[in-house]
């Protein structure tokens, strides 16, 4: 669906992604499929204002990939407590926010098997149940209405499509517990009315950004 000169121009895509992150200037950012060169560019762009927390590379069907997840936290608002929790499907970090503990997970679940995805989120449940304030965000590779989301017992904030390449799907989400929100839902940034080529040119990604205020 995407012309090769756009799809394979990684330098331009990276530039567009970082440009939008800088323009949105958010306190917390959860990124997936970050390779080494992209991590270096993120560090250069954000190290003065944000903590950059990196997990190990994601494992797909028992094969280690070349990319992983990254969490960015604004230094003026968050204090990081210890090193990250590393999973084959993402990472978690405990921090202090508004003088209270907060656990944040950035996940990228298996793309083939519902049962594997259930096993992956089950690894998070003990921590979710033991803590009062939780954020779980990322690419769930499963529609928001799935039992997978319900199994976590968290509030699901996005019900709108975030991925159009194969078919229209709501697979990127942000789930919360114990946090006051200005709005009761997430916003999917999509000004292109189904024009995926323009999406790639503008956002640099095949997934649309999801934002929570």
N, C-alpha and C. Protein backbone atom coordinates (compact mmCIF):
# COMPACT_ATOMS: atom_id res chain seq x y z
N UNK A 1 0.81 -1.22 0.00
CA UNK A 1 0.00 0.00 0.00
C UNK A 1 0.85 1.27 0.00
N UNK A 2 2.11 1.15 0.47
CA UNK A 2 2.96 2.33 0.62
C UNK A 2 4.10 2.27 -0.40
N UNK A 3 4.29 3.31 -1.20
CA UNK A 3 5.39 3.31 -2.17
C UNK A 3 6.73 3.09 -1.48
N UNK A 4 7.61 2.27 -2.07
CA UNK A 4 8.89 1.94 -1.43
C UNK A 4 9.73 3.16 -1.07
N UNK A 5 9.68 4.21 -1.90
CA UNK A 5 10.52 5.38 -1.62
C UNK A 5 10.09 6.08 -0.32
N UNK A 6 8.85 5.86 0.11
CA UNK A 6 8.37 6.40 1.39
C UNK A 6 8.58 5.37 2.50
N UNK A 7 8.16 4.15 2.24
CA UNK A 7 8.24 3.09 3.25
C UNK A 7 9.67 2.84 3.71
N UNK A 8 10.61 2.83 2.78
CA UNK A 8 11.98 2.43 3.09
C UNK A 8 12.90 3.60 3.43
N UNK A 9 12.36 4.80 3.48
CA UNK A 9 13.16 5.97 3.84
C UNK A 9 13.16 6.11 5.36
N UNK A 10 13.94 5.29 6.04
CA UNK A 10 13.93 5.26 7.49
C UNK A 10 14.40 6.57 8.10
N UNK A 11 15.35 7.23 7.46
CA UNK A 11 15.86 8.49 8.02
C UNK A 11 14.75 9.55 8.06
N UNK A 12 13.97 9.64 6.99
CA UNK A 12 12.88 10.61 6.95
C UNK A 12 11.78 10.24 7.93
N UNK A 13 11.46 8.95 8.02
CA UNK A 13 10.42 8.51 8.96
C UNK A 13 10.82 8.83 10.40
N UNK A 14 12.08 8.54 10.73
CA UNK A 14 12.60 8.84 12.07
C UNK A 14 12.51 10.34 12.35
N UNK A 15 12.86 11.14 11.36
CA UNK A 15 12.79 12.60 11.52
C UNK A 15 11.37 13.05 11.81
N UNK A 16 10.38 12.48 11.10
CA UNK A 16 8.99 12.88 11.29
C UNK A 16 8.47 12.44 12.66
N UNK A 17 8.82 11.24 13.10
CA UNK A 17 8.38 10.77 14.40
C UNK A 17 8.91 11.69 15.50
N UNK A 18 10.19 12.00 15.47
CA UNK A 18 10.78 12.85 16.51
C UNK A 18 10.20 14.26 16.43
N UNK A 19 9.95 14.75 15.22
CA UNK A 19 9.35 16.08 15.06
C UNK A 19 8.00 16.14 15.77
N UNK A 20 7.16 15.11 15.60
CA UNK A 20 5.84 15.13 16.24
C UNK A 20 5.94 14.96 17.75
N UNK A 21 6.87 14.15 18.22
CA UNK A 21 7.06 14.02 19.66
C UNK A 21 7.48 15.36 20.27
N UNK A 22 8.36 16.08 19.59
CA UNK A 22 8.79 17.39 20.09
C UNK A 22 7.65 18.40 20.05
N UNK A 23 6.84 18.36 19.01
CA UNK A 23 5.72 19.30 18.91
C UNK A 23 4.66 19.03 19.99
N UNK A 24 4.38 17.76 20.26
CA UNK A 24 3.39 17.43 21.28
C UNK A 24 3.93 17.68 22.68
N UNK A 25 5.25 17.54 22.86
CA UNK A 25 5.91 17.89 24.12
C UNK A 25 5.22 17.26 25.32
N UNK A 26 5.00 15.94 25.26
CA UNK A 26 4.26 15.27 26.32
C UNK A 26 5.18 14.86 27.46
N UNK A 27 4.58 14.64 28.63
CA UNK A 27 5.34 14.29 29.83
C UNK A 27 5.77 12.82 29.83
N UNK A 28 4.97 11.97 29.20
CA UNK A 28 5.23 10.53 29.16
C UNK A 28 5.06 10.05 27.73
N UNK A 29 6.05 9.33 27.21
CA UNK A 29 5.98 8.79 25.85
C UNK A 29 6.31 7.30 25.89
N UNK A 30 5.52 6.51 25.18
CA UNK A 30 5.74 5.07 25.09
C UNK A 30 5.94 4.72 23.61
N UNK A 31 7.12 4.24 23.27
CA UNK A 31 7.46 3.96 21.88
C UNK A 31 7.82 2.49 21.71
N UNK A 32 7.41 1.91 20.58
CA UNK A 32 7.71 0.52 20.26
C UNK A 32 8.58 0.45 19.00
N UNK A 33 9.23 -0.69 18.82
CA UNK A 33 10.05 -0.97 17.64
C UNK A 33 11.15 0.08 17.44
N UNK A 34 11.83 0.41 18.52
CA UNK A 34 12.93 1.39 18.47
C UNK A 34 14.24 0.64 18.28
N UNK A 35 14.92 0.92 17.18
CA UNK A 35 16.22 0.31 16.91
C UNK A 35 17.33 1.22 17.44
N UNK A 36 18.57 0.75 17.36
CA UNK A 36 19.67 1.46 18.00
C UNK A 36 19.83 2.88 17.45
N UNK A 37 19.82 3.03 16.12
CA UNK A 37 19.98 4.36 15.54
C UNK A 37 18.87 5.30 15.94
N UNK A 38 17.66 4.77 16.06
CA UNK A 38 16.52 5.59 16.46
C UNK A 38 16.63 5.97 17.94
N UNK A 39 17.12 5.03 18.75
CA UNK A 39 17.33 5.34 20.17
C UNK A 39 18.37 6.44 20.33
N UNK A 40 19.43 6.39 19.55
CA UNK A 40 20.46 7.43 19.60
C UNK A 40 19.86 8.80 19.25
N UNK A 41 18.99 8.83 18.24
CA UNK A 41 18.37 10.09 17.85
C UNK A 41 17.42 10.60 18.92
N UNK A 42 16.68 9.70 19.56
CA UNK A 42 15.80 10.09 20.67
C UNK A 42 16.62 10.65 21.83
N UNK A 43 17.73 10.01 22.13
CA UNK A 43 18.59 10.49 23.21
C UNK A 43 19.08 11.90 22.93
N UNK A 44 19.52 12.14 21.72
CA UNK A 44 20.00 13.47 21.33
C UNK A 44 18.89 14.51 21.46
N UNK A 45 17.66 14.12 21.10
CA UNK A 45 16.55 15.09 21.08
C UNK A 45 15.97 15.35 22.46
N UNK A 46 16.01 14.36 23.36
CA UNK A 46 15.23 14.47 24.60
C UNK A 46 16.02 14.32 25.90
N UNK A 47 17.32 14.06 25.86
CA UNK A 47 18.02 13.73 27.09
C UNK A 47 18.07 14.89 28.10
N UNK A 48 17.92 16.11 27.65
CA UNK A 48 17.93 17.25 28.58
C UNK A 48 16.62 17.37 29.35
N UNK A 49 15.53 16.93 28.75
CA UNK A 49 14.21 17.13 29.37
C UNK A 49 13.57 15.86 29.91
N UNK A 50 13.97 14.69 29.39
CA UNK A 50 13.30 13.44 29.74
C UNK A 50 14.30 12.35 30.14
N UNK A 51 13.88 11.49 31.07
CA UNK A 51 14.58 10.24 31.30
C UNK A 51 14.23 9.28 30.16
N UNK A 52 15.22 8.62 29.60
CA UNK A 52 14.99 7.60 28.58
C UNK A 52 15.25 6.23 29.19
N UNK A 53 14.24 5.37 29.21
CA UNK A 53 14.33 4.05 29.82
C UNK A 53 14.10 3.03 28.73
N UNK A 54 15.05 2.15 28.55
CA UNK A 54 15.03 1.23 27.42
C UNK A 54 14.95 -0.21 27.91
N UNK A 55 14.08 -0.99 27.31
CA UNK A 55 14.00 -2.41 27.63
C UNK A 55 14.88 -3.23 26.70
N UNK A 56 14.92 -4.54 26.94
CA UNK A 56 15.65 -5.41 26.02
C UNK A 56 14.85 -5.56 24.72
N UNK A 57 15.50 -5.99 23.69
CA UNK A 57 14.82 -6.14 22.41
C UNK A 57 13.71 -7.18 22.50
N UNK A 58 12.62 -6.91 21.77
CA UNK A 58 11.45 -7.77 21.79
C UNK A 58 11.78 -9.13 21.16
N UNK A 59 11.16 -10.17 21.71
CA UNK A 59 11.33 -11.51 21.16
C UNK A 59 10.04 -11.89 20.42
N UNK A 60 10.19 -12.27 19.16
CA UNK A 60 9.06 -12.71 18.34
C UNK A 60 9.20 -14.19 18.03
N UNK A 61 8.23 -14.99 18.48
CA UNK A 61 8.26 -16.43 18.23
C UNK A 61 9.64 -17.02 18.54
N UNK A 62 10.15 -16.69 19.73
CA UNK A 62 11.43 -17.19 20.25
C UNK A 62 12.65 -16.68 19.51
N UNK A 63 12.48 -15.65 18.70
CA UNK A 63 13.61 -15.05 18.00
C UNK A 63 13.79 -13.60 18.45
N UNK A 64 14.99 -13.26 18.88
CA UNK A 64 15.27 -11.90 19.34
C UNK A 64 15.27 -10.95 18.14
N UNK A 65 14.55 -9.85 18.27
CA UNK A 65 14.51 -8.87 17.19
C UNK A 65 15.61 -7.83 17.39
N UNK A 66 15.68 -6.87 16.48
CA UNK A 66 16.67 -5.80 16.57
C UNK A 66 16.09 -4.53 17.17
N UNK A 67 14.86 -4.61 17.69
CA UNK A 67 14.23 -3.40 18.22
C UNK A 67 13.50 -3.71 19.52
N UNK A 68 13.28 -2.67 20.30
CA UNK A 68 12.59 -2.83 21.58
C UNK A 68 11.80 -1.60 21.93
N UNK A 69 11.30 -1.56 23.16
CA UNK A 69 10.45 -0.47 23.63
C UNK A 69 11.24 0.54 24.43
N UNK A 70 10.77 1.79 24.41
CA UNK A 70 11.42 2.87 25.15
C UNK A 70 10.34 3.69 25.85
N UNK A 71 10.61 4.05 27.11
CA UNK A 71 9.75 4.96 27.87
C UNK A 71 10.51 6.26 28.09
N UNK A 72 9.86 7.39 27.83
CA UNK A 72 10.43 8.70 28.11
C UNK A 72 9.57 9.38 29.18
N UNK A 73 10.22 9.88 30.24
CA UNK A 73 9.53 10.53 31.36
C UNK A 73 10.13 11.92 31.58
N UNK A 74 9.27 12.91 31.70
CA UNK A 74 9.77 14.27 31.91
C UNK A 74 10.48 14.37 33.27
N UNK A 75 11.72 14.85 33.25
CA UNK A 75 12.53 14.89 34.46
C UNK A 75 11.93 15.78 35.55
N UNK A 76 11.25 16.84 35.15
CA UNK A 76 10.69 17.76 36.14
C UNK A 76 9.51 17.18 36.90
N UNK A 77 8.91 16.09 36.38
CA UNK A 77 7.70 15.54 36.99
C UNK A 77 7.89 14.15 37.58
N UNK A 78 8.81 13.36 37.04
CA UNK A 78 8.96 11.97 37.44
C UNK A 78 10.32 11.71 38.09
N UNK A 79 10.31 10.89 39.12
CA UNK A 79 11.54 10.35 39.70
C UNK A 79 11.52 8.85 39.49
N UNK A 80 12.53 8.33 38.82
CA UNK A 80 12.59 6.91 38.52
C UNK A 80 13.13 6.15 39.73
N UNK A 81 12.43 5.08 40.12
CA UNK A 81 12.83 4.27 41.26
C UNK A 81 13.44 2.95 40.77
N UNK A 82 14.75 2.92 40.68
CA UNK A 82 15.43 1.69 40.29
C UNK A 82 15.40 1.44 38.79
N UNK A 83 15.98 0.29 38.42
CA UNK A 83 16.07 -0.08 37.01
C UNK A 83 14.76 -0.62 36.48
N UNK A 84 14.64 -0.74 35.16
CA UNK A 84 13.39 -1.22 34.56
C UNK A 84 13.18 -2.72 34.76
N UNK A 85 11.92 -3.13 34.74
CA UNK A 85 11.57 -4.54 34.69
C UNK A 85 11.55 -4.95 33.23
N UNK A 86 12.34 -5.94 32.87
CA UNK A 86 12.47 -6.35 31.47
C UNK A 86 11.62 -7.57 31.18
N UNK A 87 10.82 -7.50 30.12
CA UNK A 87 10.03 -8.62 29.64
C UNK A 87 10.41 -8.88 28.18
N UNK A 88 10.11 -10.08 27.69
CA UNK A 88 10.34 -10.36 26.27
C UNK A 88 9.42 -9.54 25.38
N UNK A 89 8.35 -8.98 25.95
CA UNK A 89 7.37 -8.22 25.18
C UNK A 89 7.32 -6.75 25.60
N UNK A 90 8.31 -6.27 26.34
CA UNK A 90 8.31 -4.87 26.72
C UNK A 90 9.04 -4.61 28.02
N UNK A 91 8.68 -3.52 28.70
CA UNK A 91 9.34 -3.17 29.94
C UNK A 91 8.38 -2.44 30.86
N UNK A 92 8.76 -2.42 32.13
CA UNK A 92 8.00 -1.67 33.13
C UNK A 92 8.95 -0.87 33.98
N UNK A 93 8.46 0.23 34.54
CA UNK A 93 9.29 1.06 35.41
C UNK A 93 8.42 1.62 36.54
N UNK A 94 8.98 1.63 37.75
CA UNK A 94 8.31 2.26 38.88
C UNK A 94 8.90 3.64 39.08
N UNK A 95 8.04 4.61 39.29
CA UNK A 95 8.50 5.97 39.47
C UNK A 95 7.62 6.68 40.52
N UNK A 96 8.06 7.86 40.90
CA UNK A 96 7.25 8.74 41.74
C UNK A 96 6.67 9.84 40.86
N UNK A 97 5.38 10.03 40.97
CA UNK A 97 4.69 11.06 40.21
C UNK A 97 3.67 11.72 41.15
N UNK A 98 3.76 13.04 41.30
CA UNK A 98 2.92 13.77 42.25
C UNK A 98 3.05 13.19 43.66
N UNK A 99 4.29 12.85 44.00
CA UNK A 99 4.67 12.36 45.34
C UNK A 99 4.01 11.03 45.70
N UNK A 100 3.60 10.27 44.69
CA UNK A 100 3.02 8.96 44.92
C UNK A 100 3.59 7.97 43.90
N UNK A 101 3.71 6.68 44.29
CA UNK A 101 4.25 5.68 43.35
C UNK A 101 3.33 5.46 42.15
N UNK A 102 3.95 5.21 41.01
CA UNK A 102 3.23 4.91 39.77
C UNK A 102 4.03 3.87 39.01
N UNK A 103 3.36 2.80 38.57
CA UNK A 103 3.98 1.80 37.71
C UNK A 103 3.55 2.04 36.27
N UNK A 104 4.51 2.07 35.36
CA UNK A 104 4.24 2.28 33.94
C UNK A 104 4.78 1.09 33.15
N UNK A 105 3.94 0.51 32.29
CA UNK A 105 4.36 -0.59 31.42
C UNK A 105 4.21 -0.16 29.97
N UNK A 106 5.21 -0.48 29.17
CA UNK A 106 5.18 -0.24 27.72
C UNK A 106 5.35 -1.60 27.04
N UNK A 107 4.29 -2.08 26.40
CA UNK A 107 4.27 -3.46 25.92
C UNK A 107 4.04 -3.54 24.41
N UNK A 108 4.49 -4.66 23.85
CA UNK A 108 4.27 -4.96 22.43
C UNK A 108 4.02 -6.46 22.36
N UNK A 109 2.75 -6.83 22.36
CA UNK A 109 2.38 -8.24 22.52
C UNK A 109 2.56 -9.03 21.23
N UNK A 110 2.58 -10.34 21.38
CA UNK A 110 2.76 -11.27 20.26
C UNK A 110 1.75 -10.97 19.14
N UNK A 111 2.21 -11.08 17.90
CA UNK A 111 1.36 -10.70 16.77
C UNK A 111 0.61 -11.87 16.15
N UNK A 112 0.81 -13.11 16.66
CA UNK A 112 0.17 -14.26 16.03
C UNK A 112 -0.85 -14.97 16.91
N UNK A 113 -0.59 -15.06 18.21
CA UNK A 113 -1.36 -15.97 19.06
C UNK A 113 -2.06 -15.24 20.20
N UNK A 114 -3.39 -15.39 20.26
CA UNK A 114 -4.17 -14.85 21.38
C UNK A 114 -3.73 -15.47 22.70
N UNK A 115 -3.49 -16.77 22.70
CA UNK A 115 -3.08 -17.44 23.93
C UNK A 115 -1.73 -16.94 24.43
N UNK A 116 -0.81 -16.69 23.51
CA UNK A 116 0.49 -16.13 23.91
C UNK A 116 0.32 -14.74 24.50
N UNK A 117 -0.55 -13.94 23.90
CA UNK A 117 -0.80 -12.60 24.43
C UNK A 117 -1.39 -12.67 25.84
N UNK A 118 -2.29 -13.61 26.07
CA UNK A 118 -2.87 -13.78 27.41
C UNK A 118 -1.78 -14.13 28.42
N UNK A 119 -0.87 -15.02 28.04
CA UNK A 119 0.23 -15.40 28.94
C UNK A 119 1.13 -14.21 29.22
N UNK A 120 1.33 -13.38 28.21
CA UNK A 120 2.20 -12.22 28.40
C UNK A 120 1.60 -11.23 29.39
N UNK A 121 0.34 -10.87 29.20
CA UNK A 121 -0.27 -9.90 30.12
C UNK A 121 -0.44 -10.49 31.51
N UNK A 122 -0.54 -11.82 31.61
CA UNK A 122 -0.64 -12.46 32.93
C UNK A 122 0.61 -12.19 33.76
N UNK A 123 1.75 -11.97 33.10
CA UNK A 123 2.98 -11.65 33.83
C UNK A 123 2.89 -10.29 34.53
N UNK A 124 2.02 -9.42 34.03
CA UNK A 124 1.88 -8.08 34.61
C UNK A 124 0.89 -8.06 35.78
N UNK A 125 -0.01 -9.02 35.83
CA UNK A 125 -1.13 -8.96 36.76
C UNK A 125 -0.72 -8.86 38.23
N UNK A 126 0.29 -9.62 38.71
CA UNK A 126 0.65 -9.48 40.12
C UNK A 126 1.05 -8.06 40.51
N UNK A 127 1.77 -7.39 39.61
CA UNK A 127 2.19 -6.01 39.89
C UNK A 127 0.99 -5.07 39.81
N UNK A 128 0.12 -5.28 38.82
CA UNK A 128 -1.07 -4.45 38.68
C UNK A 128 -1.96 -4.57 39.91
N UNK A 129 -2.13 -5.79 40.40
CA UNK A 129 -3.00 -6.00 41.56
C UNK A 129 -2.40 -5.46 42.85
N UNK A 130 -1.07 -5.37 42.91
CA UNK A 130 -0.40 -4.95 44.14
C UNK A 130 -0.19 -3.44 44.22
N UNK A 131 -0.51 -2.70 43.16
CA UNK A 131 -0.23 -1.27 43.14
C UNK A 131 -1.49 -0.47 42.80
N UNK A 132 -1.58 0.71 43.39
CA UNK A 132 -2.79 1.52 43.27
C UNK A 132 -2.84 2.34 41.99
N UNK A 133 -1.68 2.67 41.43
CA UNK A 133 -1.66 3.55 40.25
C UNK A 133 -0.84 2.88 39.15
N UNK A 134 -1.50 2.67 38.02
CA UNK A 134 -0.92 1.89 36.91
C UNK A 134 -1.21 2.57 35.58
N UNK A 135 -0.23 2.53 34.67
CA UNK A 135 -0.44 2.83 33.24
C UNK A 135 0.14 1.67 32.45
N UNK A 136 -0.67 1.09 31.56
CA UNK A 136 -0.19 0.08 30.61
C UNK A 136 -0.51 0.59 29.21
N UNK A 137 0.51 0.81 28.41
CA UNK A 137 0.29 1.30 27.05
C UNK A 137 1.12 0.54 26.05
N UNK A 138 0.74 0.65 24.79
CA UNK A 138 1.53 0.04 23.73
C UNK A 138 0.69 -0.60 22.65
N UNK A 139 1.32 -1.53 21.95
CA UNK A 139 0.69 -2.25 20.84
C UNK A 139 0.25 -3.62 21.38
N UNK A 140 -1.07 -3.80 21.53
CA UNK A 140 -1.61 -5.03 22.09
C UNK A 140 -1.85 -6.11 21.02
N UNK A 141 -1.79 -5.70 19.74
CA UNK A 141 -2.03 -6.63 18.63
C UNK A 141 -3.36 -7.37 18.78
N UNK A 142 -4.34 -6.71 19.36
CA UNK A 142 -5.65 -7.32 19.55
C UNK A 142 -6.69 -6.21 19.72
N UNK A 143 -7.88 -6.44 19.18
CA UNK A 143 -8.94 -5.44 19.24
C UNK A 143 -9.29 -5.10 20.67
N UNK A 144 -9.66 -3.84 20.91
CA UNK A 144 -9.90 -3.34 22.27
C UNK A 144 -11.02 -4.07 22.99
N UNK A 145 -11.95 -4.68 22.24
CA UNK A 145 -13.09 -5.37 22.84
C UNK A 145 -12.75 -6.78 23.32
N UNK A 146 -11.51 -7.20 23.14
CA UNK A 146 -11.10 -8.57 23.46
C UNK A 146 -11.11 -8.82 24.97
N UNK A 147 -11.24 -10.10 25.34
CA UNK A 147 -11.15 -10.50 26.74
C UNK A 147 -9.76 -10.24 27.30
N UNK A 148 -8.77 -10.11 26.44
CA UNK A 148 -7.42 -9.83 26.90
C UNK A 148 -7.38 -8.56 27.75
N UNK A 149 -8.06 -7.51 27.30
CA UNK A 149 -8.08 -6.26 28.04
C UNK A 149 -8.81 -6.43 29.37
N UNK A 150 -9.92 -7.12 29.32
CA UNK A 150 -10.71 -7.33 30.54
C UNK A 150 -9.93 -8.09 31.59
N UNK A 151 -9.04 -8.99 31.15
CA UNK A 151 -8.28 -9.81 32.10
C UNK A 151 -7.36 -8.98 32.98
N UNK A 152 -7.00 -7.79 32.55
CA UNK A 152 -6.11 -6.94 33.33
C UNK A 152 -6.85 -6.13 34.38
N UNK A 153 -8.17 -5.97 34.22
CA UNK A 153 -8.95 -5.24 35.20
C UNK A 153 -8.67 -3.75 35.22
N UNK A 154 -8.23 -3.21 34.10
CA UNK A 154 -7.91 -1.80 34.00
C UNK A 154 -8.92 -1.07 33.11
N UNK A 155 -8.90 0.24 33.18
CA UNK A 155 -9.78 1.06 32.36
C UNK A 155 -9.19 1.23 30.97
N UNK A 156 -9.91 0.83 29.94
CA UNK A 156 -9.46 0.92 28.55
C UNK A 156 -9.87 2.28 28.00
N UNK A 157 -8.90 3.04 27.50
CA UNK A 157 -9.17 4.42 27.11
C UNK A 157 -9.40 4.62 25.62
N UNK A 158 -8.97 3.68 24.78
CA UNK A 158 -9.12 3.88 23.33
C UNK A 158 -10.04 2.84 22.72
N UNK A 159 -10.98 3.30 21.90
CA UNK A 159 -11.87 2.41 21.16
C UNK A 159 -11.86 2.72 19.66
N UNK A 160 -10.91 3.54 19.22
CA UNK A 160 -10.86 3.95 17.82
C UNK A 160 -9.71 3.27 17.09
N UNK A 161 -9.87 3.05 15.78
CA UNK A 161 -8.83 2.37 15.01
C UNK A 161 -7.49 3.12 15.03
N UNK A 162 -6.42 2.35 15.12
CA UNK A 162 -5.07 2.92 15.11
C UNK A 162 -4.22 2.33 13.99
N UNK A 163 -4.76 1.33 13.29
CA UNK A 163 -3.96 0.60 12.31
C UNK A 163 -4.87 0.23 11.14
N UNK A 164 -4.46 0.63 9.92
CA UNK A 164 -5.30 0.45 8.74
C UNK A 164 -4.64 -0.39 7.66
N UNK A 165 -3.42 -0.83 7.86
CA UNK A 165 -2.64 -1.36 6.75
C UNK A 165 -3.24 -2.67 6.21
N UNK A 166 -3.60 -3.58 7.08
CA UNK A 166 -4.22 -4.83 6.61
C UNK A 166 -5.74 -4.71 6.63
N UNK A 167 -6.26 -4.23 7.74
CA UNK A 167 -7.67 -3.90 7.89
C UNK A 167 -7.80 -2.94 9.07
N UNK A 168 -8.92 -2.29 9.19
CA UNK A 168 -9.10 -1.30 10.25
C UNK A 168 -9.16 -1.99 11.61
N UNK A 169 -8.19 -1.66 12.50
CA UNK A 169 -8.12 -2.33 13.80
C UNK A 169 -7.75 -1.34 14.90
N UNK A 170 -8.33 -1.54 16.07
CA UNK A 170 -7.98 -0.78 17.27
C UNK A 170 -7.07 -1.67 18.11
N UNK A 171 -5.76 -1.59 17.89
CA UNK A 171 -4.83 -2.49 18.58
C UNK A 171 -3.83 -1.75 19.46
N UNK A 172 -3.78 -0.42 19.35
CA UNK A 172 -2.90 0.37 20.21
C UNK A 172 -3.75 1.03 21.28
N UNK A 173 -3.29 0.95 22.53
CA UNK A 173 -4.16 1.41 23.60
C UNK A 173 -3.37 1.90 24.80
N UNK A 174 -4.09 2.57 25.69
CA UNK A 174 -3.56 3.00 26.98
C UNK A 174 -4.60 2.61 28.03
N UNK A 175 -4.17 1.85 29.03
CA UNK A 175 -5.03 1.38 30.11
C UNK A 175 -4.52 1.98 31.42
N UNK A 176 -5.44 2.34 32.32
CA UNK A 176 -5.02 3.01 33.56
C UNK A 176 -5.79 2.48 34.76
N UNK A 177 -5.18 2.74 35.93
CA UNK A 177 -5.84 2.51 37.21
C UNK A 177 -5.37 3.57 38.19
N UNK A 178 -6.33 4.17 38.92
CA UNK A 178 -6.00 5.08 40.01
C UNK A 178 -5.51 6.44 39.61
N UNK A 179 -5.76 6.87 38.37
CA UNK A 179 -5.29 8.17 37.91
C UNK A 179 -6.47 9.07 37.53
N UNK A 180 -6.49 10.31 38.01
CA UNK A 180 -7.50 11.26 37.56
C UNK A 180 -7.18 11.73 36.14
N UNK A 181 -8.16 11.70 35.27
CA UNK A 181 -7.95 12.08 33.87
C UNK A 181 -8.80 13.29 33.52
N UNK A 182 -8.24 14.16 32.69
CA UNK A 182 -8.99 15.33 32.24
C UNK A 182 -10.12 14.92 31.29
N UNK A 183 -9.85 13.87 30.48
CA UNK A 183 -10.86 13.33 29.57
C UNK A 183 -10.98 11.83 29.84
N UNK A 184 -12.13 11.27 29.54
CA UNK A 184 -12.40 9.87 29.88
C UNK A 184 -11.97 8.91 28.78
N UNK A 185 -11.34 9.43 27.75
CA UNK A 185 -10.94 8.56 26.65
C UNK A 185 -9.63 9.06 26.05
N UNK A 186 -9.05 8.24 25.20
CA UNK A 186 -7.84 8.61 24.47
C UNK A 186 -8.21 9.23 23.13
N UNK A 187 -7.29 10.00 22.58
CA UNK A 187 -7.46 10.61 21.27
C UNK A 187 -6.51 9.95 20.28
N UNK A 188 -7.03 9.50 19.15
CA UNK A 188 -6.20 8.96 18.09
C UNK A 188 -5.99 10.07 17.06
N UNK A 189 -4.73 10.40 16.81
CA UNK A 189 -4.42 11.50 15.90
C UNK A 189 -4.44 10.99 14.46
N UNK A 190 -5.46 11.39 13.73
CA UNK A 190 -5.60 10.94 12.35
C UNK A 190 -6.36 12.00 11.56
N UNK A 191 -5.63 12.77 10.77
CA UNK A 191 -6.24 13.83 9.97
C UNK A 191 -6.33 13.46 8.50
N UNK A 192 -6.16 12.18 8.16
CA UNK A 192 -5.95 11.82 6.76
C UNK A 192 -7.09 11.05 6.11
N UNK A 193 -8.14 10.79 6.84
CA UNK A 193 -9.35 10.18 6.25
C UNK A 193 -9.04 8.93 5.44
N UNK A 194 -8.18 8.08 5.99
CA UNK A 194 -7.88 6.82 5.31
C UNK A 194 -6.74 6.88 4.32
N UNK A 195 -6.12 8.05 4.14
CA UNK A 195 -4.99 8.17 3.22
C UNK A 195 -3.72 7.71 3.95
N UNK A 196 -3.39 6.42 3.81
CA UNK A 196 -2.27 5.86 4.56
C UNK A 196 -0.93 6.37 4.06
N UNK A 197 -0.83 6.71 2.77
CA UNK A 197 0.42 7.25 2.26
C UNK A 197 0.74 8.57 2.95
N UNK A 198 -0.26 9.44 3.06
CA UNK A 198 -0.05 10.72 3.74
C UNK A 198 0.25 10.51 5.22
N UNK A 199 -0.35 9.49 5.81
CA UNK A 199 -0.04 9.16 7.20
C UNK A 199 1.44 8.85 7.36
N UNK A 200 1.99 8.01 6.46
CA UNK A 200 3.40 7.66 6.52
C UNK A 200 4.28 8.90 6.35
N UNK A 201 3.92 9.75 5.41
CA UNK A 201 4.72 10.95 5.14
C UNK A 201 4.73 11.86 6.37
N UNK A 202 3.58 11.99 7.04
CA UNK A 202 3.44 12.93 8.15
C UNK A 202 3.92 12.36 9.47
N UNK A 203 3.47 11.14 9.83
CA UNK A 203 3.80 10.55 11.12
C UNK A 203 5.00 9.60 11.08
N UNK A 204 5.34 9.11 9.89
CA UNK A 204 6.48 8.21 9.79
C UNK A 204 6.22 6.80 10.24
N UNK A 205 4.95 6.44 10.48
CA UNK A 205 4.64 5.14 11.07
C UNK A 205 3.39 4.53 10.45
N UNK A 206 3.29 3.20 10.56
CA UNK A 206 2.07 2.52 10.12
C UNK A 206 1.03 2.46 11.22
N UNK A 207 1.38 2.93 12.43
CA UNK A 207 0.42 3.04 13.53
C UNK A 207 0.16 4.51 13.82
N UNK A 208 -1.08 4.84 14.15
CA UNK A 208 -1.43 6.21 14.48
C UNK A 208 -1.10 6.50 15.95
N UNK A 209 -0.73 7.73 16.26
CA UNK A 209 -0.44 8.08 17.66
C UNK A 209 -1.70 8.10 18.52
N UNK A 210 -1.57 7.65 19.76
CA UNK A 210 -2.65 7.66 20.74
C UNK A 210 -2.21 8.58 21.89
N UNK A 211 -3.08 9.53 22.25
CA UNK A 211 -2.73 10.54 23.25
C UNK A 211 -3.78 10.59 24.34
N UNK A 212 -3.35 10.68 25.58
CA UNK A 212 -4.25 10.84 26.72
C UNK A 212 -3.88 12.11 27.48
N UNK A 213 -4.88 12.89 27.80
CA UNK A 213 -4.66 14.12 28.57
C UNK A 213 -4.99 13.82 30.04
